[in-house]
N, C-alpha and C. Protein backbone atom coordinates (compact mmCIF):
# COMPACT_ATOMS: atom_id res chain seq x y z
N MET A 1 -74.06 14.86 38.29
CA MET A 1 -72.96 14.53 37.41
C MET A 1 -71.81 13.99 38.25
N LYS A 2 -71.14 12.98 37.70
CA LYS A 2 -69.96 12.38 38.34
C LYS A 2 -68.80 12.51 37.37
N ASN A 3 -67.61 12.39 37.89
CA ASN A 3 -66.44 12.36 37.04
C ASN A 3 -65.40 11.40 37.58
N PHE A 4 -64.49 11.02 36.72
CA PHE A 4 -63.36 10.19 37.13
C PHE A 4 -62.15 10.55 36.27
N SER A 5 -60.99 10.15 36.76
CA SER A 5 -59.72 10.48 36.09
C SER A 5 -59.19 9.29 35.31
N VAL A 6 -58.50 9.61 34.25
CA VAL A 6 -57.76 8.63 33.45
C VAL A 6 -56.34 9.17 33.29
N ARG A 7 -55.36 8.35 33.54
CA ARG A 7 -53.97 8.74 33.32
C ARG A 7 -53.47 7.93 32.12
N THR A 8 -53.13 8.66 31.06
CA THR A 8 -52.66 7.99 29.85
C THR A 8 -51.15 7.82 29.90
N LYS A 9 -50.66 6.86 29.12
CA LYS A 9 -49.25 6.52 29.14
C LYS A 9 -48.53 6.85 27.84
N GLN A 10 -49.29 7.08 26.78
CA GLN A 10 -48.70 7.33 25.46
C GLN A 10 -49.26 8.61 24.87
N ARG A 11 -48.62 9.10 23.83
CA ARG A 11 -49.14 10.31 23.17
C ARG A 11 -50.50 10.07 22.55
N ILE A 12 -50.63 8.90 21.90
CA ILE A 12 -51.90 8.55 21.28
C ILE A 12 -52.29 7.16 21.77
N GLU A 13 -53.47 7.05 22.36
CA GLU A 13 -53.96 5.76 22.79
C GLU A 13 -55.46 5.81 23.04
N MET A 14 -56.08 4.65 23.04
CA MET A 14 -57.50 4.51 23.35
C MET A 14 -57.63 3.67 24.59
N VAL A 15 -58.26 4.22 25.61
CA VAL A 15 -58.40 3.55 26.90
C VAL A 15 -59.86 3.15 27.10
N ASP A 16 -60.09 1.89 27.36
CA ASP A 16 -61.43 1.37 27.61
C ASP A 16 -61.91 1.85 28.99
N VAL A 17 -62.96 2.66 29.00
CA VAL A 17 -63.50 3.20 30.25
C VAL A 17 -64.92 2.70 30.52
N THR A 18 -65.33 1.64 29.82
CA THR A 18 -66.69 1.13 29.93
C THR A 18 -67.06 0.78 31.36
N GLU A 19 -66.21 0.09 32.06
CA GLU A 19 -66.54 -0.35 33.42
C GLU A 19 -66.71 0.82 34.38
N GLN A 20 -65.88 1.85 34.23
CA GLN A 20 -66.01 3.03 35.10
C GLN A 20 -67.34 3.73 34.84
N VAL A 21 -67.73 3.84 33.55
CA VAL A 21 -69.01 4.48 33.21
C VAL A 21 -70.16 3.62 33.73
N GLN A 22 -70.08 2.30 33.53
CA GLN A 22 -71.16 1.41 33.99
C GLN A 22 -71.31 1.48 35.49
N GLN A 23 -70.21 1.62 36.22
CA GLN A 23 -70.27 1.74 37.68
C GLN A 23 -71.06 2.97 38.09
N ILE A 24 -70.83 4.08 37.40
CA ILE A 24 -71.56 5.32 37.70
C ILE A 24 -73.04 5.14 37.40
N VAL A 25 -73.37 4.46 36.31
CA VAL A 25 -74.77 4.17 36.00
C VAL A 25 -75.40 3.33 37.11
N ARG A 26 -74.69 2.29 37.53
CA ARG A 26 -75.19 1.40 38.59
C ARG A 26 -75.44 2.18 39.88
N GLU A 27 -74.48 3.03 40.26
CA GLU A 27 -74.60 3.80 41.49
C GLU A 27 -75.70 4.84 41.42
N SER A 28 -76.08 5.28 40.23
CA SER A 28 -77.14 6.28 40.08
C SER A 28 -78.51 5.73 40.42
N GLY A 29 -78.67 4.41 40.28
CA GLY A 29 -79.95 3.79 40.52
C GLY A 29 -80.94 3.97 39.36
N VAL A 30 -80.53 4.64 38.31
CA VAL A 30 -81.42 4.84 37.15
C VAL A 30 -81.58 3.53 36.40
N ARG A 31 -82.83 3.16 36.16
CA ARG A 31 -83.12 1.89 35.45
C ARG A 31 -83.29 2.13 33.94
N SER A 32 -83.83 3.31 33.58
CA SER A 32 -84.08 3.62 32.16
C SER A 32 -83.82 5.10 31.93
N GLY A 33 -83.06 5.40 30.91
CA GLY A 33 -82.72 6.79 30.60
C GLY A 33 -81.60 6.86 29.61
N VAL A 34 -80.77 7.89 29.76
CA VAL A 34 -79.60 8.07 28.90
C VAL A 34 -78.38 8.43 29.74
N CYS A 35 -77.24 8.07 29.22
CA CYS A 35 -75.96 8.36 29.87
C CYS A 35 -75.13 9.20 28.90
N LEU A 36 -74.74 10.39 29.31
CA LEU A 36 -73.86 11.24 28.54
C LEU A 36 -72.46 11.13 29.10
N VAL A 37 -71.51 10.83 28.23
CA VAL A 37 -70.09 10.76 28.62
C VAL A 37 -69.37 11.86 27.85
N PHE A 38 -68.67 12.74 28.59
CA PHE A 38 -68.08 13.95 27.98
C PHE A 38 -66.66 14.13 28.49
N VAL A 39 -65.77 14.58 27.58
CA VAL A 39 -64.39 14.92 27.98
C VAL A 39 -64.18 16.42 27.78
N PRO A 40 -63.74 17.13 28.82
CA PRO A 40 -63.56 18.57 28.73
C PRO A 40 -62.15 18.96 28.28
N HIS A 41 -61.67 18.33 27.24
CA HIS A 41 -60.31 18.55 26.75
C HIS A 41 -60.33 18.74 25.25
N THR A 42 -59.51 19.65 24.73
CA THR A 42 -59.48 19.92 23.29
C THR A 42 -58.56 19.01 22.51
N THR A 43 -57.82 18.18 23.20
CA THR A 43 -56.92 17.23 22.51
C THR A 43 -57.22 15.79 22.88
N ALA A 44 -58.44 15.55 23.31
CA ALA A 44 -58.89 14.20 23.66
C ALA A 44 -60.34 14.05 23.19
N ALA A 45 -60.81 12.82 23.15
CA ALA A 45 -62.15 12.55 22.66
C ALA A 45 -62.72 11.32 23.33
N ILE A 46 -63.98 11.03 23.01
CA ILE A 46 -64.63 9.83 23.52
C ILE A 46 -65.37 9.19 22.35
N THR A 47 -65.35 7.86 22.30
CA THR A 47 -66.02 7.16 21.22
C THR A 47 -66.49 5.79 21.69
N ILE A 48 -67.33 5.18 20.88
CA ILE A 48 -67.77 3.81 21.10
C ILE A 48 -67.31 2.99 19.91
N ASN A 49 -66.68 1.86 20.19
CA ASN A 49 -66.25 0.99 19.10
C ASN A 49 -66.02 -0.41 19.65
N GLU A 50 -65.52 -1.29 18.79
CA GLU A 50 -65.31 -2.68 19.18
C GLU A 50 -64.23 -2.79 20.26
N GLY A 51 -64.52 -3.61 21.26
CA GLY A 51 -63.56 -3.81 22.34
C GLY A 51 -63.02 -5.23 22.40
N ALA A 52 -63.55 -6.12 21.59
CA ALA A 52 -63.12 -7.53 21.68
C ALA A 52 -61.74 -7.73 21.06
N ASP A 53 -61.42 -7.00 20.03
CA ASP A 53 -60.15 -7.17 19.32
C ASP A 53 -59.35 -5.87 19.44
N SER A 54 -58.27 -5.90 20.18
CA SER A 54 -57.48 -4.68 20.41
C SER A 54 -56.84 -4.12 19.14
N SER A 55 -56.76 -4.95 18.10
CA SER A 55 -56.20 -4.44 16.85
C SER A 55 -57.09 -3.38 16.21
N VAL A 56 -58.39 -3.35 16.56
CA VAL A 56 -59.28 -2.31 16.06
C VAL A 56 -58.80 -0.94 16.57
N ARG A 57 -58.46 -0.88 17.84
CA ARG A 57 -57.94 0.37 18.42
C ARG A 57 -56.67 0.83 17.70
N LEU A 58 -55.79 -0.13 17.43
CA LEU A 58 -54.56 0.17 16.72
C LEU A 58 -54.86 0.65 15.32
N ASP A 59 -55.79 0.02 14.65
CA ASP A 59 -56.18 0.47 13.30
C ASP A 59 -56.72 1.90 13.33
N ILE A 60 -57.53 2.21 14.32
CA ILE A 60 -58.10 3.56 14.42
C ILE A 60 -57.01 4.60 14.67
N THR A 61 -56.14 4.34 15.65
CA THR A 61 -55.12 5.34 15.98
C THR A 61 -54.09 5.47 14.85
N GLU A 62 -53.73 4.38 14.20
CA GLU A 62 -52.77 4.46 13.08
C GLU A 62 -53.39 5.20 11.90
N THR A 63 -54.65 4.95 11.59
CA THR A 63 -55.30 5.61 10.48
C THR A 63 -55.45 7.10 10.75
N LEU A 64 -55.84 7.47 11.97
CA LEU A 64 -55.93 8.89 12.31
C LEU A 64 -54.57 9.56 12.18
N SER A 65 -53.51 8.86 12.58
CA SER A 65 -52.18 9.44 12.49
C SER A 65 -51.71 9.58 11.03
N GLU A 66 -52.16 8.70 10.16
CA GLU A 66 -51.86 8.84 8.74
C GLU A 66 -52.63 10.01 8.13
N LEU A 67 -53.91 10.14 8.52
CA LEU A 67 -54.75 11.21 7.99
C LEU A 67 -54.32 12.58 8.50
N VAL A 68 -53.95 12.63 9.78
CA VAL A 68 -53.58 13.88 10.44
C VAL A 68 -52.24 13.67 11.14
N PRO A 69 -51.13 13.81 10.40
CA PRO A 69 -49.84 13.47 10.98
C PRO A 69 -49.32 14.49 12.00
N PHE A 70 -48.60 14.00 12.97
CA PHE A 70 -47.90 14.84 13.92
C PHE A 70 -46.78 15.57 13.18
N GLY A 71 -46.59 16.85 13.49
CA GLY A 71 -45.45 17.59 12.95
C GLY A 71 -45.62 18.14 11.55
N ALA A 72 -46.81 18.11 11.00
CA ALA A 72 -47.04 18.69 9.68
C ALA A 72 -46.98 20.23 9.83
N SER A 73 -47.12 20.93 8.74
CA SER A 73 -47.00 22.39 8.72
C SER A 73 -48.27 23.07 9.25
N TYR A 74 -48.53 22.92 10.55
CA TYR A 74 -49.70 23.53 11.17
C TYR A 74 -49.35 24.95 11.64
N HIS A 75 -50.33 25.76 11.88
CA HIS A 75 -50.13 27.12 12.34
C HIS A 75 -50.07 27.26 13.85
N HIS A 76 -50.74 26.38 14.56
CA HIS A 76 -50.81 26.43 16.02
C HIS A 76 -49.39 26.27 16.59
N LEU A 77 -49.00 27.17 17.46
CA LEU A 77 -47.61 27.23 17.93
C LEU A 77 -47.23 26.18 18.97
N GLU A 78 -48.21 25.55 19.61
CA GLU A 78 -47.89 24.58 20.66
C GLU A 78 -47.38 23.25 20.10
N GLY A 79 -47.55 23.01 18.82
CA GLY A 79 -47.05 21.78 18.22
C GLY A 79 -47.98 20.58 18.37
N ASN A 80 -49.23 20.82 18.77
CA ASN A 80 -50.14 19.68 18.96
C ASN A 80 -51.42 19.85 18.13
N SER A 81 -51.30 20.55 17.01
CA SER A 81 -52.49 20.74 16.15
C SER A 81 -53.08 19.42 15.69
N ASP A 82 -52.24 18.43 15.45
CA ASP A 82 -52.78 17.14 15.03
C ASP A 82 -53.73 16.60 16.09
N ALA A 83 -53.40 16.79 17.37
CA ALA A 83 -54.25 16.31 18.45
C ALA A 83 -55.59 17.05 18.48
N HIS A 84 -55.57 18.35 18.24
CA HIS A 84 -56.82 19.13 18.18
C HIS A 84 -57.71 18.64 17.03
N ILE A 85 -57.11 18.38 15.89
CA ILE A 85 -57.88 17.94 14.72
C ILE A 85 -58.46 16.55 14.95
N LYS A 86 -57.65 15.63 15.47
CA LYS A 86 -58.12 14.27 15.76
C LYS A 86 -59.28 14.30 16.76
N ALA A 87 -59.14 15.13 17.81
CA ALA A 87 -60.20 15.25 18.81
C ALA A 87 -61.49 15.78 18.18
N SER A 88 -61.36 16.74 17.27
CA SER A 88 -62.54 17.27 16.59
C SER A 88 -63.20 16.22 15.69
N LEU A 89 -62.41 15.39 15.05
CA LEU A 89 -62.96 14.35 14.19
C LEU A 89 -63.75 13.31 14.97
N ILE A 90 -63.25 12.92 16.14
CA ILE A 90 -63.92 11.90 16.96
C ILE A 90 -65.04 12.53 17.78
N GLY A 91 -64.79 13.64 18.43
CA GLY A 91 -65.81 14.33 19.20
C GLY A 91 -65.64 14.20 20.70
N PRO A 92 -66.21 15.14 21.45
CA PRO A 92 -66.01 15.19 22.89
C PRO A 92 -67.02 14.39 23.73
N SER A 93 -68.03 13.78 23.08
CA SER A 93 -69.05 13.08 23.89
C SER A 93 -69.74 11.97 23.11
N VAL A 94 -70.35 11.08 23.90
CA VAL A 94 -71.25 10.06 23.38
C VAL A 94 -72.45 9.99 24.29
N THR A 95 -73.58 9.60 23.73
CA THR A 95 -74.82 9.40 24.50
C THR A 95 -75.22 7.95 24.34
N ILE A 96 -75.47 7.29 25.45
CA ILE A 96 -75.77 5.86 25.45
C ILE A 96 -77.08 5.61 26.18
N PRO A 97 -78.00 4.85 25.58
CA PRO A 97 -79.21 4.50 26.31
C PRO A 97 -78.90 3.67 27.55
N VAL A 98 -79.72 3.82 28.57
CA VAL A 98 -79.63 2.99 29.79
C VAL A 98 -80.94 2.22 29.86
N GLU A 99 -80.82 0.90 29.91
CA GLU A 99 -81.97 0.03 30.06
C GLU A 99 -81.69 -1.00 31.15
N ASN A 100 -82.65 -1.19 32.03
CA ASN A 100 -82.51 -2.13 33.14
C ASN A 100 -81.24 -1.86 33.96
N GLY A 101 -80.91 -0.57 34.11
CA GLY A 101 -79.78 -0.18 34.93
C GLY A 101 -78.42 -0.43 34.32
N ARG A 102 -78.38 -0.69 33.01
CA ARG A 102 -77.11 -0.99 32.33
C ARG A 102 -77.00 -0.18 31.05
N LEU A 103 -75.77 0.08 30.66
CA LEU A 103 -75.52 0.71 29.36
C LEU A 103 -76.03 -0.23 28.27
N ALA A 104 -76.82 0.28 27.35
CA ALA A 104 -77.38 -0.54 26.27
C ALA A 104 -76.42 -0.55 25.08
N LEU A 105 -75.24 -1.14 25.33
CA LEU A 105 -74.24 -1.28 24.29
C LEU A 105 -74.41 -2.60 23.55
N GLY A 106 -73.99 -2.62 22.30
CA GLY A 106 -74.02 -3.86 21.52
C GLY A 106 -73.01 -4.85 22.06
N THR A 107 -73.08 -6.06 21.58
CA THR A 107 -72.24 -7.16 22.05
C THR A 107 -70.76 -6.83 22.09
N TRP A 108 -70.25 -6.19 21.06
CA TRP A 108 -68.83 -5.92 20.95
C TRP A 108 -68.46 -4.48 21.31
N GLN A 109 -69.45 -3.67 21.60
CA GLN A 109 -69.19 -2.25 21.85
C GLN A 109 -68.62 -1.98 23.24
N ARG A 110 -67.67 -1.02 23.27
CA ARG A 110 -67.07 -0.54 24.50
C ARG A 110 -66.93 0.99 24.37
N VAL A 111 -66.82 1.67 25.49
CA VAL A 111 -66.63 3.10 25.51
C VAL A 111 -65.12 3.38 25.66
N PHE A 112 -64.58 4.20 24.78
CA PHE A 112 -63.15 4.48 24.78
C PHE A 112 -62.86 5.96 24.96
N PHE A 113 -61.93 6.25 25.88
CA PHE A 113 -61.33 7.58 25.98
C PHE A 113 -60.20 7.59 24.97
N CYS A 114 -60.14 8.61 24.14
CA CYS A 114 -59.12 8.73 23.09
C CYS A 114 -58.15 9.84 23.44
N GLU A 115 -56.93 9.49 23.71
CA GLU A 115 -55.87 10.45 24.01
C GLU A 115 -55.10 10.74 22.74
N PHE A 116 -54.90 12.05 22.45
CA PHE A 116 -54.16 12.43 21.27
C PHE A 116 -52.97 13.35 21.60
N ASP A 117 -52.74 13.66 22.88
CA ASP A 117 -51.66 14.57 23.27
C ASP A 117 -51.11 14.21 24.64
N GLY A 118 -50.90 12.93 24.83
CA GLY A 118 -50.45 12.44 26.12
C GLY A 118 -48.95 12.30 26.20
N PRO A 119 -48.50 11.69 27.28
CA PRO A 119 -49.29 11.22 28.42
C PRO A 119 -49.75 12.36 29.31
N ARG A 120 -50.96 12.20 29.86
CA ARG A 120 -51.57 13.23 30.69
C ARG A 120 -52.55 12.59 31.68
N ALA A 121 -52.92 13.38 32.67
CA ALA A 121 -54.04 13.03 33.55
C ALA A 121 -55.26 13.76 32.98
N ARG A 122 -56.34 13.04 32.76
CA ARG A 122 -57.54 13.59 32.12
C ARG A 122 -58.77 13.32 32.98
N GLN A 123 -59.82 14.10 32.72
CA GLN A 123 -61.09 13.92 33.41
C GLN A 123 -62.17 13.48 32.41
N ILE A 124 -63.07 12.66 32.89
CA ILE A 124 -64.23 12.24 32.12
C ILE A 124 -65.46 12.51 32.99
N PHE A 125 -66.42 13.21 32.39
CA PHE A 125 -67.66 13.53 33.08
C PHE A 125 -68.77 12.62 32.59
N VAL A 126 -69.62 12.16 33.52
CA VAL A 126 -70.73 11.26 33.21
C VAL A 126 -72.00 11.85 33.81
N GLN A 127 -73.00 12.05 32.98
CA GLN A 127 -74.31 12.57 33.43
C GLN A 127 -75.37 11.53 33.07
N ILE A 128 -76.15 11.11 34.05
CA ILE A 128 -77.24 10.16 33.84
C ILE A 128 -78.55 10.93 33.92
N VAL A 129 -79.40 10.75 32.92
CA VAL A 129 -80.71 11.38 32.91
C VAL A 129 -81.77 10.26 32.88
N GLU A 130 -82.63 10.27 33.89
CA GLU A 130 -83.65 9.26 34.01
C GLU A 130 -84.82 9.56 33.08
N ALA A 131 -85.31 8.52 32.41
CA ALA A 131 -86.50 8.66 31.57
C ALA A 131 -87.73 8.79 32.46
N LYS A 132 -88.60 9.70 32.09
CA LYS A 132 -89.86 9.88 32.82
C LYS A 132 -90.93 8.99 32.20
N SER A 133 -91.67 8.31 33.05
CA SER A 133 -92.71 7.40 32.55
C SER A 133 -93.97 8.16 32.20
């Protein structure tokens, strides 16, 4: 397992981490298998979505903020319940096939780290599992 850090700049943002994950796949030497990408944080998430048009990221973060607003009447005393809920909706991990030593993503797909309680320094864990022939 490998990991890398992401430093976020805003309270809510989506950071494209595709190249960092692909580099770990390349360095693993695995030609065929699966790649698990996981975030060990309760107020952050990981997802796959369109990377060609940055307005998609804005649409996602704005819609999540409308659905789960900051500062509503939550019970959690730290004041970041919205971040916990958003992270639960998106999820802490994605699994991506690896073929020919590359992430088998669709044409427009990218891997995004989702920050919901930033700015912070965060960790992303990547585990590559080789397919047995």
